[in-house]
Protein backbone atom coordinates (compact mmCIF):
# COMPACT_ATOMS: atom_id res chain seq x y z
CA MET A 1 -25.43 -7.92 -17.68
CA THR A 2 -23.06 -8.33 -20.72
CA ALA A 3 -19.89 -10.37 -20.93
CA LEU A 4 -17.90 -7.10 -20.87
CA ASP A 5 -19.59 -6.00 -17.62
CA ILE A 6 -18.79 -9.43 -16.00
CA VAL A 7 -15.14 -9.32 -16.96
CA LYS A 8 -14.88 -5.69 -15.76
CA ALA A 9 -16.37 -6.53 -12.40
CA PHE A 10 -14.00 -9.64 -12.09
CA ASN A 11 -11.03 -7.36 -12.95
CA GLU A 12 -12.05 -4.80 -10.39
CA LEU A 13 -12.20 -7.55 -7.71
CA LEU A 14 -9.01 -9.13 -8.90
CA TRP A 15 -6.76 -6.25 -9.27
CA ASN A 16 -8.09 -3.51 -6.93
CA HIS A 17 -9.09 -5.65 -4.04
CA PHE A 18 -6.66 -8.43 -4.10
CA LEU A 19 -3.64 -8.42 -6.50
CA MET A 20 -2.62 -4.84 -5.80
CA TYR A 21 -2.32 -5.57 -2.10
CA ALA A 22 -0.69 -8.92 -2.70
CA LEU A 23 1.99 -7.52 -4.91
CA LEU A 24 2.68 -4.66 -2.48
CA GLY A 25 2.76 -7.11 0.44
CA VAL A 26 5.31 -9.44 -1.27
CA GLY A 27 7.43 -6.36 -2.12
CA ILE A 28 7.35 -5.41 1.56
CA PHE A 29 8.03 -9.02 2.65
CA TYR A 30 11.05 -9.39 0.33
CA THR A 31 12.49 -5.95 1.34
CA VAL A 32 12.43 -6.82 4.97
CA TYR A 33 13.32 -10.42 4.49
CA LEU A 34 16.48 -9.66 2.43
CA GLY A 35 17.49 -6.67 4.54
CA PHE A 36 16.56 -3.78 2.13
CA PRO A 37 18.89 -4.89 -0.89
CA GLN A 38 17.57 -2.25 -3.22
CA ILE A 39 18.79 0.49 -0.81
CA ARG A 40 21.91 -1.12 0.66
CA HIS A 41 23.16 -2.36 -2.75
CA LEU A 42 21.68 -0.27 -5.40
CA ASN A 43 25.17 0.43 -6.72
CA LEU A 44 25.51 -3.35 -7.62
CA ALA A 45 22.42 -3.07 -9.84
CA PHE A 46 23.95 -0.59 -12.16
CA LYS A 47 27.45 -2.32 -11.91
CA TYR A 48 26.15 -5.66 -13.00
CA ALA A 49 23.64 -4.30 -15.47
CA PHE A 50 25.86 -1.89 -17.52
CA GLU A 51 29.32 -3.26 -16.86
CA PRO A 52 28.97 -5.87 -19.73
CA VAL A 53 28.41 -3.05 -22.26
CA PHE A 54 32.04 -1.96 -21.79
CA LYS A 55 33.46 -5.48 -21.98
CA LYS A 56 34.83 -6.77 -25.26
CA LYS A 57 33.15 -9.97 -26.32
CA ASN A 58 35.44 -12.89 -27.54
CA PRO A 59 35.00 -13.62 -31.35
CA GLY A 60 32.27 -16.22 -31.80
CA GLU A 61 31.01 -15.97 -28.21
CA ASN A 62 27.34 -16.69 -28.15
CA LYS A 63 26.34 -16.28 -24.43
CA VAL A 64 23.79 -13.76 -23.31
CA SER A 65 25.20 -10.95 -21.14
CA SER A 66 23.37 -9.36 -18.19
CA PHE A 67 22.87 -6.27 -20.24
CA GLN A 68 21.35 -8.19 -23.13
CA ALA A 69 18.90 -10.00 -20.75
CA LEU A 70 18.07 -6.62 -19.12
CA ALA A 71 17.33 -5.03 -22.46
CA THR A 72 15.09 -7.99 -23.38
CA ALA A 73 13.34 -7.60 -20.00
CA VAL A 74 12.94 -3.78 -20.38
CA ALA A 75 11.66 -4.37 -23.97
CA ALA A 76 8.83 -6.17 -22.46
CA GLN A 77 8.34 -3.85 -19.45
CA VAL A 78 8.19 -0.61 -21.33
CA GLY A 79 5.07 -0.40 -23.38
CA THR A 80 1.78 1.59 -23.64
CA GLY A 81 1.60 1.51 -19.80
CA ASN A 82 4.49 3.96 -19.57
CA ILE A 83 2.61 6.37 -21.68
CA GLY A 84 -1.09 5.66 -21.25
CA GLY A 85 -0.91 4.01 -17.81
CA VAL A 86 0.92 6.80 -16.08
CA ALA A 87 -1.55 9.27 -17.62
CA THR A 88 -4.61 7.35 -16.33
CA ALA A 89 -2.95 7.16 -12.92
CA ILE A 90 -2.57 10.99 -12.70
CA ALA A 91 -5.91 11.77 -14.19
CA THR A 92 -7.84 9.40 -11.82
CA GLY A 93 -5.55 9.39 -8.64
CA GLY A 94 -4.13 12.89 -8.94
CA MET A 95 -0.52 14.04 -8.86
CA GLY A 96 -0.02 12.16 -5.50
CA ALA A 97 -0.31 8.92 -7.37
CA ILE A 98 3.43 9.50 -8.68
CA PHE A 99 4.80 9.29 -5.14
CA TRP A 100 3.05 5.93 -4.64
CA MET A 101 4.28 4.85 -8.04
CA TRP A 102 7.79 5.49 -7.02
CA LEU A 103 7.30 3.62 -3.73
CA SER A 104 5.74 0.69 -5.54
CA ALA A 105 8.96 0.61 -7.76
CA LEU A 106 11.23 0.67 -4.69
CA LEU A 107 9.34 -2.29 -3.15
CA GLY A 108 9.07 -4.01 -6.43
CA MET A 109 12.84 -4.04 -6.85
CA SER A 110 13.12 -6.63 -4.09
CA THR A 111 10.26 -8.75 -5.63
CA ILE A 112 11.88 -8.80 -8.97
CA PHE A 113 15.25 -9.69 -7.42
CA SER A 114 13.80 -12.90 -6.12
CA GLU A 115 12.23 -13.73 -9.43
CA ALA A 116 15.55 -13.21 -11.41
CA VAL A 117 17.50 -15.16 -8.69
CA LEU A 118 15.00 -18.20 -9.09
CA ALA A 119 14.91 -17.98 -12.83
CA GLN A 120 18.70 -18.33 -12.84
CA LYS A 121 18.66 -21.28 -10.45
CA TYR A 122 16.04 -23.34 -12.35
CA LYS A 123 16.82 -22.48 -15.97
CA LYS A 124 17.30 -25.32 -18.49
CA GLU A 125 18.94 -25.93 -21.75
CA TYR A 126 16.43 -26.81 -24.49
CA HIS A 127 17.68 -27.75 -28.10
CA GLY A 128 20.63 -25.38 -27.77
CA GLU A 129 18.61 -22.58 -26.34
CA THR A 130 18.33 -21.50 -22.61
CA VAL A 131 14.73 -21.51 -21.25
CA GLY A 132 13.51 -20.45 -17.84
CA GLY A 133 10.96 -18.42 -15.92
CA SER A 134 8.15 -18.83 -13.53
CA ALA A 135 6.80 -22.12 -14.84
CA TYR A 136 10.36 -23.71 -14.48
CA TYR A 137 10.82 -22.71 -10.85
CA LEU A 138 7.25 -23.54 -10.11
CA TYR A 139 7.76 -27.07 -11.46
CA TYR A 140 11.53 -27.78 -10.67
CA GLY A 141 11.76 -25.70 -7.57
CA LEU A 142 8.38 -25.96 -5.89
CA GLY A 143 7.49 -29.26 -7.45
CA SER A 144 4.04 -28.14 -8.54
CA LYS A 145 3.13 -29.25 -11.99
CA TRP A 146 -0.44 -27.82 -11.99
CA LEU A 147 0.69 -24.40 -10.73
CA ALA A 148 3.30 -24.37 -13.56
CA VAL A 149 0.81 -25.35 -16.19
CA PHE A 150 -1.71 -22.93 -14.86
CA PHE A 151 0.91 -20.13 -15.06
CA SER A 152 1.93 -21.12 -18.66
CA ILE A 153 -1.69 -21.15 -19.94
CA ALA A 154 -2.37 -17.70 -18.40
CA ILE A 155 0.86 -16.01 -19.74
CA VAL A 156 0.42 -17.52 -23.21
CA PHE A 157 -3.03 -15.86 -23.45
CA ALA A 158 -2.08 -12.77 -21.54
CA LEU A 159 1.11 -11.83 -23.45
CA GLY A 160 1.16 -13.84 -26.59
CA CYS A 161 -2.41 -13.39 -27.67
CA VAL A 162 -4.64 -10.74 -26.05
CA GLY A 163 -1.79 -8.67 -24.69
CA ASN A 164 -0.14 -8.36 -28.09
CA MET A 165 -3.53 -7.43 -29.68
CA VAL A 166 -3.67 -4.58 -27.22
CA GLN A 167 -0.07 -3.48 -28.00
CA ALA A 168 -0.65 -3.67 -31.76
CA ASN A 169 -3.89 -1.66 -31.42
CA SER A 170 -2.02 1.17 -29.64
CA ILE A 171 0.51 1.20 -32.60
CA SER A 172 -2.31 1.35 -35.15
CA ILE A 173 -4.11 4.22 -33.31
CA ALA A 174 -0.86 6.24 -32.93
CA LEU A 175 0.29 5.84 -36.59
CA THR A 176 -3.30 6.40 -37.88
CA ASN A 177 -3.77 9.65 -35.95
CA ALA A 178 -0.27 11.02 -36.65
CA PHE A 179 0.29 9.98 -40.21
CA HIS A 180 -3.25 9.02 -41.39
CA ILE A 181 -2.14 5.47 -42.39
CA SER A 182 -4.90 2.85 -42.89
CA PRO A 183 -5.04 0.40 -39.99
CA TYR A 184 -4.94 -2.54 -42.70
CA ILE A 185 -1.53 -1.28 -43.99
CA VAL A 186 -0.30 -0.90 -40.35
CA GLY A 187 -1.56 -4.37 -39.46
CA PHE A 188 -0.05 -6.07 -42.52
CA VAL A 189 3.29 -4.36 -42.05
CA LEU A 190 3.52 -4.87 -38.37
CA ALA A 191 2.51 -8.39 -38.56
CA ALA A 192 5.14 -9.13 -41.36
CA VAL A 193 7.93 -7.36 -39.33
CA VAL A 194 7.02 -9.20 -36.13
CA ALA A 195 7.02 -12.50 -38.15
CA VAL A 196 10.43 -12.00 -39.55
CA VAL A 197 11.85 -11.17 -36.09
CA ILE A 198 10.28 -14.17 -34.10
CA ILE A 199 11.20 -16.67 -36.93
CA GLY A 200 14.82 -15.78 -36.14
CA GLY A 201 14.30 -17.17 -32.65
CA GLN A 202 15.75 -15.97 -29.24
CA ARG A 203 19.01 -14.73 -30.71
CA ARG A 204 17.28 -12.36 -33.13
CA ILE A 205 14.87 -11.07 -30.57
CA ILE A 206 17.75 -10.48 -28.11
CA SER A 207 19.82 -8.70 -30.66
CA LEU A 208 16.95 -6.40 -31.63
CA ALA A 209 16.16 -5.62 -27.95
CA GLU A 210 19.78 -4.82 -27.27
CA LEU A 211 19.81 -2.30 -30.21
CA LEU A 212 16.38 -0.72 -29.83
CA VAL A 213 15.87 -0.39 -26.16
CA PRO A 214 18.73 1.81 -25.15
CA PHE A 215 18.00 4.08 -28.22
CA MET A 216 14.27 4.49 -27.45
CA ALA A 217 14.65 5.01 -23.92
CA VAL A 218 17.37 7.68 -24.22
CA VAL A 219 15.36 9.60 -27.02
CA TYR A 220 12.18 9.54 -25.10
CA ILE A 221 13.81 10.76 -21.88
CA ILE A 222 15.71 13.50 -23.61
CA GLY A 223 12.48 14.67 -25.25
CA SER A 224 10.76 14.73 -21.91
CA LEU A 225 13.72 16.58 -20.35
CA VAL A 226 13.34 19.33 -22.98
CA ILE A 227 9.80 19.82 -21.89
CA ILE A 228 10.86 19.76 -18.25
CA PHE A 229 13.27 22.45 -18.92
CA MET A 230 10.76 24.50 -20.88
CA PHE A 231 8.29 24.49 -18.01
CA ALA A 232 11.06 24.40 -15.17
CA ASP A 233 9.19 27.38 -13.38
CA HIS A 234 6.30 24.91 -12.58
CA LEU A 235 8.53 22.35 -10.90
CA PRO A 236 8.28 23.77 -7.32
CA TYR A 237 4.47 23.55 -7.54
CA VAL A 238 4.50 19.96 -9.12
CA PHE A 239 6.68 18.71 -6.39
CA ARG A 240 4.82 20.35 -3.61
CA THR A 241 1.60 18.95 -5.01
CA ILE A 242 2.94 15.36 -5.46
CA PHE A 243 3.91 15.11 -1.77
CA HIS A 244 0.80 17.00 -0.58
CA ASP A 245 -1.71 14.94 -2.44
CA ALA A 246 0.09 11.64 -1.61
CA PHE A 247 -0.84 12.11 2.01
CA SER A 248 -3.95 14.42 1.79
CA MET A 249 -6.86 13.37 3.90
CA GLU A 250 -9.05 15.86 1.92
CA ALA A 251 -12.19 14.48 0.34
CA ALA A 252 -11.64 13.29 -3.28
CA GLY A 253 -13.34 15.51 -5.93
CA GLY A 254 -15.82 14.60 -8.55
CA GLY A 255 -18.28 12.97 -6.13
CA ALA A 256 -15.77 10.09 -5.57
CA ALA A 257 -16.00 8.28 -2.21
CA GLY A 258 -12.87 8.62 -0.12
CA THR A 259 -9.80 10.76 0.28
CA VAL A 260 -7.33 12.19 -2.11
CA MET A 261 -4.73 9.91 -0.63
CA LYS A 262 -6.76 6.84 -1.04
CA TYR A 263 -7.08 7.33 -4.78
CA ALA A 264 -3.42 8.37 -5.09
CA ILE A 265 -2.32 5.13 -3.47
CA ARG A 266 -4.78 2.82 -5.47
CA TYR A 267 -3.79 4.27 -8.85
CA GLY A 268 -0.20 5.11 -8.16
CA VAL A 269 0.64 1.61 -6.90
CA ALA A 270 -1.52 -0.09 -9.36
CA ARG A 271 0.06 1.54 -12.46
CA GLY A 272 3.57 1.28 -11.04
CA LEU A 273 3.37 -2.38 -10.56
CA PHE A 274 1.54 -3.04 -13.83
CA SER A 275 4.30 -1.13 -15.64
CA ASN A 276 7.42 -2.59 -14.22
CA GLU A 277 5.80 -6.03 -13.88
CA ALA A 278 7.57 -6.85 -10.61
CA GLY A 279 6.00 -9.95 -9.25
CA MET A 280 4.02 -10.71 -12.34
CA GLY A 281 6.16 -13.58 -13.53
CA SER A 282 7.01 -12.13 -16.96
CA THR A 283 10.61 -10.70 -16.84
CA PRO A 284 12.12 -13.80 -15.24
CA HIS A 285 11.97 -15.42 -18.62
CA ALA A 286 14.53 -12.81 -19.89
CA HIS A 287 16.81 -12.87 -16.76
CA ALA A 288 17.00 -16.66 -16.99
CA LEU A 289 19.01 -16.18 -20.34
CA ALA A 290 21.87 -14.35 -18.87
CA ASP A 291 25.27 -16.09 -18.44
CA VAL A 292 26.33 -15.04 -14.93
CA LYS A 293 28.57 -16.27 -12.21
CA ASP A 294 25.98 -16.11 -9.40
CA PRO A 295 22.25 -15.89 -9.63
CA SER A 296 22.29 -12.89 -7.33
CA GLU A 297 24.09 -10.83 -9.94
CA GLN A 298 21.11 -11.14 -12.21
CA GLY A 299 18.87 -10.33 -9.36
CA PHE A 300 20.58 -6.89 -9.05
CA VAL A 301 20.33 -6.43 -12.86
CA ALA A 302 16.54 -7.07 -12.77
CA MET A 303 16.42 -4.20 -10.06
CA ALA A 304 18.02 -1.91 -12.62
CA GLY A 305 15.17 -2.83 -14.92
CA VAL A 306 12.58 -1.51 -12.57
CA PHE A 307 14.53 1.74 -12.07
CA VAL A 308 14.70 2.39 -15.86
CA ASP A 309 11.11 1.48 -16.37
CA THR A 310 9.41 3.23 -13.60
CA VAL A 311 11.88 5.90 -12.10
CA LEU A 312 13.18 7.13 -15.45
CA ILE A 313 10.55 6.48 -18.19
CA CYS A 314 7.32 6.55 -16.29
CA SER A 315 8.55 9.67 -14.47
CA SER A 316 9.41 11.38 -17.68
CA THR A 317 5.88 10.90 -18.85
CA ALA A 318 4.43 11.94 -15.48
CA PHE A 319 6.37 15.26 -15.54
CA VAL A 320 5.38 16.10 -19.03
CA ILE A 321 1.67 15.62 -18.03
CA MET A 322 1.97 17.42 -14.77
CA LEU A 323 4.02 20.41 -16.06
CA THR A 324 1.90 21.05 -19.13
CA GLY A 325 -1.31 20.42 -17.28
CA SER A 326 -2.73 18.09 -19.92
CA PHE A 327 -4.31 15.79 -17.39
CA GLU A 328 -6.79 18.63 -16.35
CA ASN A 329 -8.65 18.15 -19.73
CA THR A 330 -11.31 15.64 -18.48
CA SER A 331 -12.38 14.82 -22.12
CA LEU A 332 -8.97 13.04 -22.76
CA LYS A 333 -8.17 9.44 -21.70
CA SER A 334 -4.92 7.47 -21.47
CA VAL A 335 -2.38 8.02 -24.22
CA ALA A 336 -4.39 11.12 -25.49
CA ILE A 337 -3.39 12.85 -22.24
CA THR A 338 0.23 12.35 -22.83
CA GLN A 339 -0.08 13.26 -26.38
CA ALA A 340 -1.71 16.54 -25.39
CA GLY A 341 1.32 17.36 -23.10
CA PHE A 342 3.73 16.78 -25.93
CA GLU A 343 1.56 18.85 -28.34
CA THR A 344 1.45 21.82 -25.86
CA ALA A 345 5.24 21.82 -25.81
CA PHE A 346 6.15 20.97 -29.48
CA GLY A 347 2.82 21.47 -31.48
CA GLU A 348 2.21 18.99 -34.26
CA SER A 349 5.81 17.59 -33.93
CA GLY A 350 5.03 16.55 -30.36
CA ILE A 351 2.12 14.29 -31.69
CA ILE A 352 4.56 12.72 -34.17
CA PHE A 353 7.23 12.31 -31.52
CA LEU A 354 4.93 10.51 -29.20
CA ALA A 355 3.45 8.31 -32.02
CA VAL A 356 6.95 7.14 -32.94
CA SER A 357 7.93 6.69 -29.27
CA LEU A 358 4.75 4.62 -28.79
CA LEU A 359 5.62 2.59 -31.80
CA PHE A 360 8.93 1.57 -30.46
CA PHE A 361 7.61 0.97 -27.02
CA ALA A 362 4.77 -1.24 -28.15
CA PHE A 363 6.74 -3.09 -30.76
CA THR A 364 9.61 -4.04 -28.38
CA THR A 365 6.85 -5.23 -26.00
CA ILE A 366 5.44 -7.43 -28.62
CA ILE A 367 8.57 -9.20 -29.40
CA GLY A 368 9.62 -9.48 -25.63
CA TRP A 369 6.13 -10.81 -24.69
CA TYR A 370 6.23 -13.29 -27.70
CA MET A 371 9.53 -14.82 -26.36
CA PHE A 372 8.19 -15.12 -22.83
CA ALA A 373 5.02 -16.91 -24.19
CA GLU A 374 7.05 -19.10 -26.50
CA MET A 375 9.05 -20.41 -23.56
CA ASN A 376 5.89 -21.54 -21.94
CA ILE A 377 4.63 -23.15 -25.11
CA LYS A 378 8.00 -25.21 -25.18
CA PHE A 379 7.37 -26.04 -21.51
CA MET A 380 3.83 -27.38 -22.17
CA PHE A 381 4.05 -28.80 -25.74
CA GLY A 382 7.79 -28.96 -26.73
CA LYS A 383 9.22 -27.59 -29.94
CA LYS A 384 6.30 -28.88 -32.04
CA GLY A 385 4.04 -26.21 -30.59
CA VAL A 386 6.24 -23.34 -31.50
CA LYS A 387 5.35 -22.96 -35.24
CA PRO A 388 1.53 -23.10 -34.79
CA PHE A 389 1.88 -20.51 -31.96
CA ARG A 390 3.88 -18.15 -34.17
CA GLY A 391 1.08 -18.20 -36.63
CA VAL A 392 -1.57 -17.46 -33.95
CA VAL A 393 0.63 -14.48 -32.61
CA VAL A 394 1.01 -12.89 -36.06
CA GLY A 395 -2.74 -13.32 -36.76
CA CYS A 396 -3.53 -11.62 -33.42
CA ILE A 397 -1.30 -8.67 -34.22
CA PHE A 398 -3.03 -8.09 -37.62
CA VAL A 399 -6.50 -8.32 -36.05
CA GLY A 400 -5.52 -6.12 -33.11
CA CYS A 401 -4.50 -3.37 -35.52
CA LEU A 402 -7.97 -3.22 -37.08
CA PHE A 403 -10.19 -2.88 -34.10
CA ALA A 404 -10.22 -2.14 -30.39
CA ALA A 405 -12.83 -4.35 -28.71
CA ASP A 406 -13.13 -3.25 -25.12
CA ILE A 407 -13.48 -7.02 -24.21
CA VAL A 408 -9.96 -7.64 -25.44
CA TRP A 409 -8.51 -4.97 -23.26
CA GLU A 410 -10.27 -6.31 -20.23
CA LEU A 411 -9.33 -9.94 -21.02
CA ALA A 412 -5.64 -8.85 -21.20
CA ASP A 413 -5.99 -7.47 -17.57
CA THR A 414 -7.76 -10.77 -16.47
CA PHE A 415 -5.06 -13.18 -17.81
CA ASN A 416 -2.26 -10.80 -16.50
CA GLY A 417 -3.93 -11.22 -13.10
CA LEU A 418 -4.29 -14.89 -13.35
CA MET A 419 -0.64 -15.44 -14.07
CA VAL A 420 0.41 -13.38 -11.08
CA ILE A 421 -1.31 -15.71 -8.55
CA PRO A 422 0.85 -18.84 -9.07
CA ASN A 423 4.00 -16.75 -9.49
CA LEU A 424 3.39 -14.99 -6.04
CA VAL A 425 2.80 -18.44 -4.44
CA GLY A 426 5.96 -19.73 -5.81
CA ILE A 427 8.30 -16.85 -4.96
CA VAL A 428 6.93 -16.64 -1.42
CA LEU A 429 7.32 -20.40 -0.71
CA LEU A 430 10.74 -20.42 -2.31
CA ALA A 431 11.94 -17.29 -0.36
CA PRO A 432 14.35 -19.37 1.82
CA GLN A 433 16.22 -20.55 -1.29
CA VAL A 434 16.53 -16.85 -2.53
CA LYS A 435 17.78 -15.73 0.87
CA GLU A 436 20.40 -18.56 0.87
CA ILE A 437 21.60 -17.68 -2.54
CA TYR A 438 21.78 -13.92 -1.60
CA ARG A 439 23.66 -14.55 1.69
CA ASN A 440 26.17 -16.84 -0.01
CA PHE A 441 26.77 -14.10 -2.54
CA LEU A 442 27.35 -11.45 0.19
CA ALA A 443 29.54 -13.72 2.06
CA ARG A 444 31.88 -14.38 -1.05
CA ARG A 445 31.92 -10.64 -1.68
CA LYS A 446 32.95 -9.88 1.94
CA ALA A 447 35.61 -12.56 1.73
CA LYS A 448 37.20 -11.04 -1.49
CA ALA A 449 37.18 -7.48 0.01
C-alpha cells in the first residue's frame, strides 16, 4: 500500500463517514437552536451585506465594511470547487445531488452565522491590524490553547501551503490548455503577482477582493445565464430529474452499491459544504475584520456569502453541465466536464471563457487563503513568522504550477478535514454565547420598531 493509498483511505473515512455528517448535523442543530434565522431573516443578510456599497465613506476612513469582509470571504470560498467540485458531484451523484447541495447551503447558513458572530466577539487588534477567526475564539472564548494551536497548524498547511498549490495547479492547467502557455511562465508570473499582493498586507488583499469578486461573479453568472437561455427548452426535464433523483430509491447505475438517492445525498452535501466552507473555520477570519455595530450583523452577512457561493455560482455551473449534458461523457473529470459544457455552447470561446473564469476564481482564493493562514501564523509566532511564511507560500505557488501530484490534492483534503474538527467543537460548545448575542440583537431591533 502506497502513501497515496493510505491518505486516500484516511480521507474517505474522515470526510465521507464522519465530517460530512458532522457538518450537516451542526447545520441542523444551529438552524433549530436559533429558530431558522436563514429563513426568517434572510432579508437582513442582503441588507447588511450590500447596504455598505451604497454608503459614502468619509475621507481617510480606514475601517473594513461588511461588504469588504464579505468580498474577502467570498474570494476564498469561490474557487475550483465551484467549477470542478460541482461537476464531480453531478458526474458521481447524478442530477439529484444539486438538490442536496442546495439543502446543505441552507443549513450551512446557520453554521456560518455562528462562526461570524464568534469571530466578531473575540477579534483582537494586532500591530494596527484586526485579527480573528477560529483560533481566537477557541483560545479566548473556549479557553483551549491546544485546540487553537491544532486548528492553526492545520489551516496553515491546508490553505497556505498544499491548498494554494492545488489552486495554482488549476490555474496552470487552465491557461496551458486554453493559451498553450508554459507552466514555468505561469508559475513565475503567478508567484510574482501573489508576492506583490500579499506584501501589501491585509489592506491590499481586501481592496483587491472588493474589486475582483463582484466582477468575476457577475461575469460568470451572466455567461452561465446565456447558456441557460440557449438550452431553455431542456429546463423542465432538468428540474424534474433533480427532484426525482434526489429522492429516488432506484438502484445506482454502474455497479455501485446503493440507491440513486444515497449517492445524490453523499456527493451533493459533500461538494456543497466543501465549496461554501460553512463550519470549516476559514471564513471567520474575513468576517472578524468588519467594523459593525453588533456581531449578529456580520453573521447575517456571512449567510449572504453562502448564498452567493452555492445558490448563485455553484448553481450556474450545475445548470451549464446539466443542460448541455456534458456530465454524460464518462471520460471527462472535474473541471473538464464544465469546460465541455461551455465548449458545447460557445465553441473555442467557451474554453477561453472558463479558463479566464477559473483564473480569477483560483487567484482570489489564493490571496484569501493566504490572509487566513497568515492570521494563524501571527497567532502562533507573532509578526516574526510572517515574512518566512510569505516566502513559503510564494514557493508553493510556483511549484504547484509545475506538476500535479495526486498526494498533494489528497493532503489538501486531509488538512482541510483536520481543521474542521476543532472548529466544530468550538462553535458547538460556544453555542449559548451565539444565541445570547442573537437574542439581544433581535430584542434591540424589536424595541426600535
